[in-house]
Structure formats: C-alpha cells, structure tokens
Amino acid sequence: MNDIGKLQEAFLNFSEASKSLETYYGRLNEQVRCLTYEVGEKNRQLEVALSKTEEAKDYLKGIVENLRDAIIVLDTDKNVTMLNRAAEELLLLKAESTEGRPFEDLQFSLERDGEEGVLTAGQKKYNVIVSHSEVLDSQGLLRGHVILFKDITRTRELEAQNERNHRLIAMGEMAAKIVHEIRSPLCSIELYASMLAKDLEGTGHLNMAKGISTGISSLNNILTNMLFFAKPQKPVLRPVDICGLLEETVFMLMPMLEVRGQKFSKKIEEGVSVNGDPDLLKQVFLNILLNAIQVTPEGRAVTAACRNEAGTAVVEISDEGEGINPENIEKIFDPFFSTKEKGTGLGLTISARIVQAHRGVIRVESEKGRGTSFRISFTERPGGPGSDTIMKEGIFS
C-alpha cells in the first residue's frame, strides 16, 4: 500500500474514532444530566427534611417552653443547655445567663425527701416534685440529662385547707351537740334567775340576781355563735325596723352595763327599715355590743347610733376601750382570732358573714388608747331589687 492509501486509511480510522468519541460524549452528557437531576432531587429532599426537622424542633421547643413544669436540660457534662420559661420563673434565672454553666452553680437550694422536696429560690420556698431522666440516642448512648421540677405548693396548701375544713366540720358537729345539751339547763337557770330578781326587787341583792342573768346571757351568746359557726344560717329576709332591733338589743344588755358601772349613750332614729332577718341582725348587734362592753373600762362610755343616710341604713357602735393594734385590724374578722384571754374569736366572724348575707358592709376604725368604732351600712331597702341575693364580698377596713 502506497502512502496515499495509508493516509486514507488513517483518516478513516480517525473518523470512526471521532464518531465513537462523539457517541461516548453524548452518553456521558446524558449520564451527567441524570446525575445532576438526581443530585438536585436529593438536595430538594434534604431541604424538605431539614425544614421538617427545624419545624419539629421549633414545635418541641414551643411545647417545652409552654409547659407549666420547670425543665432544665443538661449535656453529658451536666452543663446547662436549656431552661424553659417555667424554670426561669421558678428559679429566678435567665436562660441566656445559664447556658453552658454547670448545674451545681445555679443559685438555688433543694432539700429532698425522696421524690418530693422544698426548693428555695431567692426569698421564696416551694414544695416540688423532682425527677431526673437521662437522654439516650437510638443506640443507647448518653446524650444528656433532663431535670424536672413540678411546683405542688398550691396543692399542698389545698390539702392542708381541706384537712382543716374537715376538722372544722367535725368540731362544728360536736359544737352543735354540746350547744343543744347545754341550752336546756341554761334556760332553766335563766328562768330561776329572773324569778329571783323579782323576789329581790327593792333589796341590796338585786344586782347579784342581775349579774346571774348577765352571765347567762353572755354564755348563751357564746353558744349561739358556736351554733351559727357550725351551721351557718341562710337569712329569711323581710322588711324590719333595724333601729328597733338595735333598741331591743341594747335593752337586753342594760343590766350588764349597770353591773359593770359603764355609761351608755344612744341616738336612734325611728322608721329606718331594711330587708333583713331580725334574729340574725340582733345577733350581729349583740356580738358587737358585747365586745364594746367587755373592752370598755368602768366609768367610760359605750355608744350606739342608728340613722338613715341618703337612703342607706347605718348602725354605729363605739367603745372607749384601749383600741386595736394596727397589725390586728385585718385579723379581727378571722375565725378564732381574739385579743381577749377568754374570747372564742367567733363573734366578729359570724357578724361579718351575717352582714354580707344582707348585702351590707361592715367597717372598723380604731385608735390605740381612744377606742374602736364599728360602722354597719345596709343599702338594701324594703322593695329593692335583688333582695334574695347574697353578697359574696364585704369590705373590712
């Protein structure tokens, strides 16, 4: 073969090689397009997965942040990685200031007794349930710790209150039985004391008989208060002359005032009516008047007044005793609180409840060394709307 033939053969082989390369190039481009599509699809799927993961993370974080229980998350070295909002409020800490700090360095103390404990943060103490959980991954490797504080302070307070209520109910039932048993012989003693007072009229022993009657009245009032506390009475409302009720109560207590050598002044208007239960209202006046008499020294005065003030019935009872300490003013209506050595601490509590049930307001003003004044006002007049409604709140100031 001559040179021309070899050259033609070489061109022919080159052409075939070029076509082969062109074919391979086309296939390679196709593969690149397929790989590019697959990579793009994988990237899209990865973005979707990351987005869902981020959403799930935000969702879980939102759940943890809004839980009422305090949650602290630690890493494997027991350094803080997260505090939820409840933990910030309970421990008086800020999440950003605790991140990365050792758990032991957080400023609070905990006294544990099993799962329960008393947590002290700042100046406050809380009853809490404490739980600790390890965070493990799918392969069982430790990834961190979760500590949970559940505040049960209010639950413990309610349990204590419930227990206290059960004791009060039991005591009330017992008191009702005792009152029933005592009142029968007490009525007989009062009857005989009244008969004795009539026989002793005009003699020097009359005051002794009156003293017996006064003591019986005081004891009967204590028993009545115990009965009212044990079984609160729902008032049966009807139009009553409230100033007339005060007058009757004062008349009943006049022997006690005379025996104790106390002065008494009254300023009582006529025709002041309210919707009320006469027996319950008389008990209010009796309790407050007895308090006034018992704290007023001999020779000083007890004052009672009843009047109409711009459509409001007002009763005021004042004494010239030693007054009430400012720190005790807010406590005098609490059950069993009394500044008297032999007081039951029920008279003012029951009086406040009765006044509330009559849609009234009771206020007390006192000045140490100058005496105390109780002011009771009733806006519910006969025929007024809502006369069968019981007021839920009174004002004690």
Protein backbone atom coordinates (compact mmCIF):
# COMPACT_ATOMS: atom_id res chain seq x y z
CA MET A 1 0.00 0.00 0.00
CA ASN A 2 1.33 3.36 -1.03
CA ASP A 3 1.40 6.43 1.11
CA ILE A 4 -1.90 7.79 -0.18
CA GLY A 5 -3.66 4.60 0.75
CA LYS A 6 -2.23 4.67 4.25
CA LEU A 7 -3.27 8.27 4.65
CA GLN A 8 -6.83 7.48 3.56
CA GLU A 9 -6.96 4.54 5.99
CA ALA A 10 -5.70 6.78 8.78
CA PHE A 11 -8.43 9.39 8.04
CA LEU A 12 -10.97 6.64 8.01
CA ASN A 13 -9.84 5.34 11.40
CA PHE A 14 -9.81 8.90 12.76
CA SER A 15 -13.37 9.45 11.56
CA GLU A 16 -14.54 6.26 13.18
CA ALA A 17 -12.74 7.18 16.41
CA SER A 18 -14.31 10.65 16.31
CA LYS A 19 -17.76 9.14 15.87
CA SER A 20 -17.06 6.75 18.74
CA LEU A 21 -15.90 9.64 20.96
CA GLU A 22 -18.96 11.64 19.95
CA THR A 23 -21.17 8.72 20.95
CA TYR A 24 -19.39 8.34 24.27
CA TYR A 25 -19.62 12.09 24.84
CA GLY A 26 -23.35 12.01 24.19
CA ARG A 27 -23.74 9.15 26.64
CA LEU A 28 -21.59 10.98 29.18
CA ASN A 29 -23.72 14.13 28.84
CA GLU A 30 -26.81 12.03 29.38
CA GLN A 31 -25.31 10.49 32.49
CA VAL A 32 -24.29 13.95 33.74
CA ARG A 33 -27.84 15.21 33.18
CA CYS A 34 -29.20 12.21 35.07
CA LEU A 35 -26.74 12.70 37.91
CA THR A 36 -27.48 16.44 38.01
CA TYR A 37 -31.20 15.69 38.23
CA GLU A 38 -30.64 13.11 40.95
CA VAL A 39 -28.40 15.48 42.92
CA GLY A 40 -31.00 18.22 42.58
CA GLU A 41 -33.74 15.86 43.71
CA LYS A 42 -31.64 14.73 46.66
CA ASN A 43 -30.93 18.36 47.56
CA ARG A 44 -34.63 19.16 47.41
CA GLN A 45 -35.46 16.18 49.59
CA LEU A 46 -32.71 17.19 52.00
CA GLU A 47 -34.06 20.74 52.19
CA VAL A 48 -37.56 19.40 52.88
CA ALA A 49 -36.17 17.07 55.56
CA LEU A 50 -34.17 19.90 57.15
CA SER A 51 -37.22 22.15 57.05
CA LYS A 52 -39.36 19.48 58.71
CA THR A 53 -36.64 18.86 61.27
CA GLU A 54 -36.46 22.58 62.04
CA GLU A 55 -40.26 22.76 62.31
CA ALA A 56 -40.28 19.74 64.60
CA LYS A 57 -37.51 21.30 66.67
CA ASP A 58 -39.40 24.60 66.96
CA TYR A 59 -42.61 22.72 67.77
CA LEU A 60 -40.95 20.68 70.51
CA LYS A 61 -39.24 23.77 71.85
CA GLY A 62 -42.59 25.56 71.91
CA ILE A 63 -44.12 22.68 73.84
CA VAL A 64 -41.27 22.63 76.35
CA GLU A 65 -41.38 26.44 76.73
CA ASN A 66 -45.10 26.42 77.47
CA LEU A 67 -45.12 23.55 79.95
CA ARG A 68 -46.06 24.61 83.47
CA ASP A 69 -43.38 22.38 84.94
CA ALA A 70 -39.84 23.72 85.21
CA ILE A 71 -37.46 21.86 82.87
CA ILE A 72 -33.65 22.07 82.81
CA VAL A 73 -31.71 20.29 80.03
CA LEU A 74 -28.06 19.36 80.61
CA ASP A 75 -25.37 17.95 78.35
CA THR A 76 -23.28 14.88 79.16
CA ASP A 77 -21.00 17.01 81.36
CA LYS A 78 -24.04 18.29 83.29
CA ASN A 79 -23.73 21.80 81.91
CA VAL A 80 -26.97 23.68 81.25
CA THR A 81 -28.09 23.75 77.63
CA MET A 82 -31.67 24.97 78.10
CA LEU A 83 -34.14 26.32 80.66
CA ASN A 84 -37.80 26.68 79.81
CA ARG A 85 -39.90 29.69 80.83
CA ALA A 86 -41.33 27.95 83.91
CA ALA A 87 -37.79 27.18 85.14
CA GLU A 88 -36.80 30.83 84.69
CA GLU A 89 -39.78 31.98 86.77
CA LEU A 90 -39.37 29.32 89.47
CA LEU A 91 -35.60 29.67 89.88
CA LEU A 92 -35.46 33.43 89.21
CA LEU A 93 -32.88 32.86 86.44
CA LYS A 94 -32.42 33.90 82.82
CA ALA A 95 -31.84 31.18 80.23
CA GLU A 96 -29.15 33.12 78.36
CA SER A 97 -27.14 33.67 81.55
CA THR A 98 -27.15 29.98 82.50
CA GLU A 99 -26.27 28.41 79.15
CA GLY A 100 -23.04 26.42 79.45
CA ARG A 101 -22.83 26.79 83.24
CA PRO A 102 -22.54 23.72 85.50
CA PHE A 103 -25.86 22.73 87.01
CA GLU A 104 -24.34 22.80 90.52
CA ASP A 105 -23.54 26.51 90.13
CA LEU A 106 -27.18 27.58 89.73
CA GLN A 107 -28.32 29.79 92.61
CA PHE A 108 -30.99 27.76 94.39
CA SER A 109 -31.14 25.13 97.13
CA LEU A 110 -33.14 21.92 97.34
CA GLU A 111 -33.91 19.78 100.37
CA ARG A 112 -35.17 16.42 99.15
CA ASP A 113 -37.11 13.68 100.85
CA GLY A 114 -37.48 11.07 98.16
CA GLU A 115 -39.17 12.50 95.08
CA GLU A 116 -40.55 15.50 96.98
CA GLY A 117 -38.56 18.39 98.33
CA VAL A 118 -38.51 22.03 99.36
CA LEU A 119 -36.90 24.33 96.81
CA THR A 120 -35.63 27.75 97.89
CA ALA A 121 -35.04 30.38 95.23
CA GLY A 122 -34.46 33.95 96.27
CA GLN A 123 -36.65 34.53 99.35
CA LYS A 124 -39.36 32.07 98.32
CA LYS A 125 -39.87 28.43 99.22
CA TYR A 126 -41.77 25.93 97.08
CA ASN A 127 -42.95 22.37 97.59
CA VAL A 128 -41.81 20.49 94.49
CA ILE A 129 -41.65 17.03 92.97
CA VAL A 130 -38.22 16.42 91.43
CA SER A 131 -37.49 13.96 88.63
CA HIS A 132 -34.28 13.25 86.69
CA SER A 133 -34.13 11.44 83.33
CA GLU A 134 -31.22 10.51 81.08
CA VAL A 135 -31.44 11.33 77.37
CA LEU A 136 -30.29 8.34 75.24
CA ASP A 137 -29.94 8.14 71.47
CA SER A 138 -31.15 5.28 69.26
CA GLN A 139 -28.01 3.32 70.03
CA GLY A 140 -28.37 3.75 73.78
CA LEU A 141 -25.58 6.28 74.14
CA LEU A 142 -25.95 9.06 76.73
CA ARG A 143 -26.67 12.42 75.11
CA GLY A 144 -27.63 14.46 78.18
CA HIS A 145 -29.95 14.84 81.19
CA VAL A 146 -33.40 16.35 81.84
CA ILE A 147 -34.34 17.64 85.32
CA LEU A 148 -37.98 18.48 86.04
CA PHE A 149 -39.40 20.46 88.97
CA LYS A 150 -43.18 20.27 89.46
CA ASP A 151 -44.47 23.01 91.77
CA ILE A 152 -47.03 21.45 94.14
CA THR A 153 -47.12 24.30 96.67
CA ARG A 154 -50.74 25.19 95.89
CA THR A 155 -51.72 21.50 96.00
CA ARG A 156 -50.21 21.12 99.46
CA GLU A 157 -51.97 24.30 100.62
CA LEU A 158 -55.31 22.99 99.35
CA GLU A 159 -54.71 19.64 101.04
CA ALA A 160 -53.93 21.41 104.33
CA GLN A 161 -57.01 23.61 103.91
CA ASN A 162 -59.16 20.57 103.15
CA GLU A 163 -57.85 18.81 106.23
CA ARG A 164 -58.50 21.93 108.28
CA ASN A 165 -62.05 22.12 106.90
CA HIS A 166 -62.68 18.50 107.85
CA ARG A 167 -61.54 19.26 111.39
CA LEU A 168 -63.77 22.35 111.49
CA ILE A 169 -66.75 20.35 110.25
CA ALA A 170 -66.16 17.70 112.90
CA MET A 171 -65.75 20.42 115.52
CA GLY A 172 -68.91 22.12 114.28
CA GLU A 173 -70.93 18.93 114.60
CA MET A 174 -69.59 18.41 118.10
CA ALA A 175 -70.30 22.06 118.98
CA ALA A 176 -73.90 21.76 117.77
CA LYS A 177 -74.42 18.75 120.04
CA ILE A 178 -72.80 20.50 123.00
CA VAL A 179 -74.92 23.62 122.48
CA HIS A 180 -78.09 21.53 122.38
CA GLU A 181 -77.16 19.76 125.62
CA ILE A 182 -76.18 22.94 127.48
CA ARG A 183 -79.08 25.14 126.42
CA SER A 184 -81.75 23.11 128.21
CA PRO A 185 -80.33 23.55 131.73
CA LEU A 186 -79.27 27.10 130.83
CA CYS A 187 -82.88 28.06 130.10
CA SER A 188 -83.89 26.72 133.50
CA ILE A 189 -81.14 28.71 135.22
CA GLU A 190 -82.21 31.87 133.37
CA LEU A 191 -85.84 31.33 134.41
CA TYR A 192 -84.92 30.87 138.06
CA ALA A 193 -82.60 33.91 137.94
CA SER A 194 -85.47 36.05 136.56
CA MET A 195 -87.81 34.80 139.31
CA LEU A 196 -85.11 35.51 141.91
CA ALA A 197 -84.63 39.05 140.56
CA LYS A 198 -88.35 39.73 141.02
CA ASP A 199 -88.26 38.45 144.58
CA LEU A 200 -85.21 40.61 145.36
CA GLU A 201 -86.61 43.87 143.98
CA GLY A 202 -86.03 46.69 146.46
CA THR A 203 -83.23 44.83 148.23
CA GLY A 204 -79.47 45.18 148.03
CA HIS A 205 -79.15 41.76 146.47
CA LEU A 206 -80.95 42.64 143.25
CA ASN A 207 -77.69 43.35 141.41
CA MET A 208 -76.48 39.86 142.28
CA ALA A 209 -79.50 38.35 140.56
CA LYS A 210 -78.97 40.66 137.60
CA GLY A 211 -75.34 39.55 137.49
CA ILE A 212 -76.51 35.94 137.20
CA SER A 213 -78.81 36.90 134.32
CA THR A 214 -76.00 38.83 132.65
CA GLY A 215 -73.66 35.85 132.89
CA ILE A 216 -76.31 33.57 131.45
CA SER A 217 -76.89 35.99 128.55
CA SER A 218 -73.17 36.11 127.82
CA LEU A 219 -72.91 32.31 127.91
CA ASN A 220 -75.98 31.98 125.72
CA ASN A 221 -74.43 34.37 123.19
CA ILE A 222 -71.26 32.25 123.06
CA LEU A 223 -73.34 29.12 122.48
CA THR A 224 -75.37 30.88 119.78
CA ASN A 225 -72.17 31.97 118.00
CA MET A 226 -70.84 28.42 118.11
CA LEU A 227 -74.11 27.16 116.65
CA PHE A 228 -74.07 29.79 113.87
CA PHE A 229 -70.47 28.88 113.05
CA ALA A 230 -71.24 25.16 113.00
CA LYS A 231 -74.39 25.58 110.90
CA PRO A 232 -74.45 28.91 109.02
CA GLN A 233 -77.95 30.28 108.77
CA LYS A 234 -79.47 31.49 105.50
CA PRO A 235 -81.34 34.71 106.22
CA VAL A 236 -85.09 34.89 105.71
CA LEU A 237 -85.47 38.46 104.51
CA ARG A 238 -88.43 40.70 105.21
CA PRO A 239 -88.88 44.40 105.96
CA VAL A 240 -87.68 45.10 109.51
CA ASP A 241 -87.13 48.20 111.63
CA ILE A 242 -83.37 47.97 112.05
CA CYS A 243 -83.19 50.76 114.61
CA GLY A 244 -85.89 48.99 116.62
CA LEU A 245 -83.79 45.80 116.59
CA LEU A 246 -80.80 47.76 117.91
CA GLU A 247 -83.02 49.25 120.64
CA GLU A 248 -84.17 45.76 121.71
CA THR A 249 -80.60 44.50 121.87
CA VAL A 250 -79.47 47.49 123.95
CA PHE A 251 -82.38 46.97 126.37
CA MET A 252 -81.36 43.33 126.83
CA LEU A 253 -77.79 44.35 127.73
CA MET A 254 -78.65 47.21 130.12
CA PRO A 255 -78.27 45.02 133.24
CA MET A 256 -74.71 44.18 132.21
CA LEU A 257 -73.90 47.88 131.72
CA GLU A 258 -75.30 48.72 135.14
CA VAL A 259 -73.37 45.93 136.87
CA ARG A 260 -70.11 46.99 135.20
CA GLY A 261 -70.65 50.67 136.05
CA GLN A 262 -70.38 51.83 132.43
CA LYS A 263 -72.01 54.81 130.79
CA PHE A 264 -74.20 54.33 127.75
CA SER A 265 -75.48 56.78 125.17
CA LYS A 266 -77.67 56.17 122.17
CA LYS A 267 -79.04 58.13 119.25
CA ILE A 268 -81.61 56.03 117.46
CA GLU A 269 -83.97 57.27 114.76
CA GLU A 270 -87.37 55.78 114.08
CA GLY A 271 -88.70 54.23 110.89
CA VAL A 272 -85.40 53.09 109.33
CA SER A 273 -86.24 49.82 107.56
CA VAL A 274 -84.20 47.26 105.64
CA ASN A 275 -84.78 43.83 104.16
CA GLY A 276 -83.34 41.57 106.82
CA ASP A 277 -83.62 38.62 109.16
CA PRO A 278 -84.38 40.11 112.60
CA ASP A 279 -82.85 37.26 114.61
CA LEU A 280 -79.60 37.32 112.65
CA LEU A 281 -79.33 41.11 112.75
CA LYS A 282 -79.90 41.14 116.50
CA GLN A 283 -77.09 38.59 116.82
CA VAL A 284 -74.77 41.00 114.95
CA PHE A 285 -75.66 43.88 117.27
CA LEU A 286 -75.36 41.62 120.32
CA ASN A 287 -71.87 40.41 119.34
CA ILE A 288 -70.51 43.89 118.67
CA LEU A 289 -72.16 45.45 121.72
CA LEU A 290 -70.83 42.69 123.98
CA ASN A 291 -67.33 43.28 122.59
CA ALA A 292 -67.70 47.00 123.25
CA ILE A 293 -68.91 46.43 126.81
CA GLN A 294 -66.16 43.92 127.60
CA VAL A 295 -63.32 46.21 126.45
CA THR A 296 -64.65 49.43 127.98
CA PRO A 297 -63.33 50.23 131.48
CA GLU A 298 -65.64 51.20 134.34
CA GLY A 299 -66.83 54.78 134.10
CA ARG A 300 -66.28 55.07 130.37
CA ALA A 301 -68.97 55.01 127.69
CA VAL A 302 -70.41 52.70 125.05
CA THR A 303 -72.32 54.43 122.25
CA ALA A 304 -74.93 53.11 119.81
CA ALA A 305 -76.47 55.01 116.92
CA CYS A 306 -78.86 54.16 114.09
CA ARG A 307 -79.89 56.52 111.30
CA ASN A 308 -80.77 56.93 107.65
CA GLU A 309 -78.01 58.46 105.50
CA ALA A 310 -79.22 59.32 101.99
CA GLY A 311 -81.15 56.08 101.62
CA THR A 312 -78.60 53.92 103.44
CA ALA A 313 -79.34 52.46 106.88
CA VAL A 314 -76.32 52.98 109.14
CA VAL A 315 -75.64 51.45 112.55
CA GLU A 316 -72.62 52.59 114.56
CA ILE A 317 -71.40 51.02 117.80
CA SER A 318 -68.42 52.61 119.56
CA ASP A 319 -66.46 51.98 122.73
CA GLU A 320 -63.87 53.86 124.79
CA GLY A 321 -61.57 50.89 125.28
CA GLU A 322 -57.87 50.59 124.55
CA GLY A 323 -58.39 50.23 120.80
CA ILE A 324 -56.99 47.62 118.39
CA ASN A 325 -53.35 47.36 117.37
CA PRO A 326 -52.93 48.29 113.68
CA GLU A 327 -51.42 44.89 112.88
CA ASN A 328 -54.58 43.18 114.21
CA ILE A 329 -57.17 45.26 112.35
CA GLU A 330 -57.15 42.91 109.32
CA LYS A 331 -57.37 39.82 111.56
CA ILE A 332 -60.33 40.62 113.78
CA PHE A 333 -62.82 39.02 111.36
CA ASP A 334 -60.78 35.80 111.08
CA PRO A 335 -62.24 32.72 112.84
CA PHE A 336 -60.81 32.05 116.32
CA PHE A 337 -58.79 35.26 116.41
CA SER A 338 -59.33 37.12 119.66
CA THR A 339 -57.34 39.63 121.72
CA LYS A 340 -59.32 38.67 124.82
CA GLU A 341 -57.97 35.89 127.02
CA LYS A 342 -61.33 34.13 127.22
CA GLY A 343 -62.67 35.09 123.81
CA THR A 344 -63.76 32.45 121.28
CA GLY A 345 -62.87 34.59 118.26
CA LEU A 346 -66.19 33.76 116.57
CA GLY A 347 -68.40 36.77 117.32
CA LEU A 348 -66.99 39.16 114.71
CA THR A 349 -66.53 36.37 112.15
CA ILE A 350 -70.20 35.45 112.37
CA SER A 351 -71.25 39.11 112.41
CA ALA A 352 -69.31 39.75 109.20
CA ARG A 353 -70.92 36.75 107.49
CA ILE A 354 -74.41 37.85 108.51
CA VAL A 355 -73.79 41.40 107.28
CA GLN A 356 -72.51 40.04 103.96
CA ALA A 357 -75.61 37.87 103.61
CA HIS A 358 -77.70 41.04 103.99
CA ARG A 359 -75.79 42.81 101.20
CA GLY A 360 -74.25 45.06 103.82
CA VAL A 361 -70.79 46.42 104.57
CA ILE A 362 -69.03 46.43 107.92
CA ARG A 363 -66.06 48.69 108.62
CA VAL A 364 -63.99 49.20 111.73
CA GLU A 365 -61.94 52.20 112.77
CA SER A 366 -59.73 52.13 115.83
CA GLU A 367 -57.18 54.37 117.50
CA LYS A 368 -54.88 52.98 120.14
CA GLY A 369 -55.89 54.33 123.55
CA ARG A 370 -59.00 56.07 122.18
CA GLY A 371 -61.38 53.22 121.38
CA THR A 372 -62.99 51.43 118.44
CA SER A 373 -65.98 52.13 116.24
CA PHE A 374 -67.90 49.64 114.07
CA ARG A 375 -69.99 51.04 111.23
CA ILE A 376 -72.54 48.76 109.52
CA SER A 377 -74.38 50.04 106.47
CA PHE A 378 -77.23 48.45 104.51
CA THR A 379 -78.26 49.70 101.09
CA GLU A 380 -80.93 47.03 100.55
CA ARG A 381 -84.18 48.75 101.48
CA PRO A 382 -87.64 47.13 101.51
CA GLY A 383 -88.90 46.51 97.99
CA GLY A 384 -85.42 46.96 96.43
CA PRO A 385 -84.26 44.71 93.61
CA GLY A 386 -82.25 41.58 94.33
CA SER A 387 -83.39 41.23 97.95
CA ASP A 388 -82.81 37.47 97.80
CA THR A 389 -79.19 37.80 96.61
CA ILE A 390 -76.34 37.01 99.00
CA MET A 391 -73.36 39.34 98.74
CA LYS A 392 -70.12 37.48 98.09
CA GLU A 393 -67.70 40.10 99.36
CA GLY A 394 -67.68 42.53 102.24
CA ILE A 395 -65.30 45.37 102.94
CA PHE A 396 -63.28 45.13 106.12
CA SER A 397 -61.04 48.14 106.62
